[in-house]
């Protein structure tokens, strides 16, 4: 804890990477994912199912 302002110290996010499946769909996965394995079963998120805040 940061004693100067009583806030918890910053903890960086875990490393992620974007993987493309055989159908061309992008997935957000942990960096150590088995790209040939079941992406859903490994906790990956299919990008078309995730709400992003950008409109481009």
Protein backbone atom coordinates (compact mmCIF):
# COMPACT_ATOMS: atom_id res chain seq x y z
CA UNK A 1 0.00 0.00 0.00
CA UNK A 2 1.20 3.48 -0.85
CA UNK A 3 1.34 5.20 2.55
CA UNK A 4 1.40 8.72 1.05
CA UNK A 5 -2.19 8.57 -0.23
CA UNK A 6 -3.54 5.27 1.18
CA UNK A 7 -3.92 3.71 -2.28
CA UNK A 8 -2.83 0.27 -3.31
CA UNK A 9 0.31 0.16 -5.47
CA UNK A 10 -0.19 -0.41 -9.21
CA UNK A 11 -0.01 -4.05 -10.28
CA UNK A 12 0.54 -4.51 -14.03
CA UNK A 13 -1.95 -6.59 -15.99
CA UNK A 14 -1.02 -10.09 -17.02
CA UNK A 15 0.60 -10.44 -20.48
CA UNK A 16 -1.93 -10.94 -23.29
CA UNK A 17 -1.80 -11.47 -27.03
CA UNK A 18 -4.24 -11.53 -29.93
CA UNK A 19 -4.67 -14.87 -31.68
CA UNK A 20 -6.51 -15.52 -34.95
CA UNK A 21 -8.44 -18.78 -35.26
CA UNK A 22 -8.88 -20.86 -38.45
CA UNK A 23 -12.03 -18.89 -39.34
CA UNK A 24 -10.18 -15.55 -39.16
CA UNK A 25 -11.79 -14.51 -35.87
CA UNK A 26 -9.51 -12.65 -33.43
CA UNK A 27 -9.25 -13.72 -29.79
CA UNK A 28 -7.65 -12.05 -26.75
CA UNK A 29 -5.67 -14.66 -24.83
CA UNK A 30 -3.03 -15.02 -22.16
CA UNK A 31 0.44 -14.80 -23.70
CA UNK A 32 1.21 -18.48 -23.02
CA UNK A 33 -1.93 -19.86 -24.74
CA UNK A 34 -1.72 -22.97 -26.93
CA UNK A 35 -2.88 -21.39 -30.20
CA UNK A 36 -3.78 -24.81 -31.65
CA UNK A 37 -5.90 -25.72 -28.61
CA UNK A 38 -9.43 -24.85 -27.48
CA UNK A 39 -9.29 -21.07 -27.06
CA UNK A 40 -12.55 -20.85 -25.10
CA UNK A 41 -11.41 -23.63 -22.79
CA UNK A 42 -8.19 -21.75 -22.10
CA UNK A 43 -10.05 -18.62 -21.02
CA UNK A 44 -9.65 -16.56 -24.20
CA UNK A 45 -12.24 -13.95 -25.23
CA UNK A 46 -13.51 -13.80 -28.81
CA UNK A 47 -13.09 -10.17 -29.92
CA UNK A 48 -16.51 -10.00 -31.58
CA UNK A 49 -18.08 -10.83 -28.20
CA UNK A 50 -16.20 -8.11 -26.26
CA UNK A 51 -17.47 -4.53 -26.12
CA UNK A 52 -14.68 -2.11 -26.97
CA UNK A 53 -14.92 1.62 -26.31
CA UNK A 54 -13.44 2.68 -29.67
CA UNK A 55 -15.61 3.35 -32.70
CA UNK A 56 -13.26 2.94 -35.65
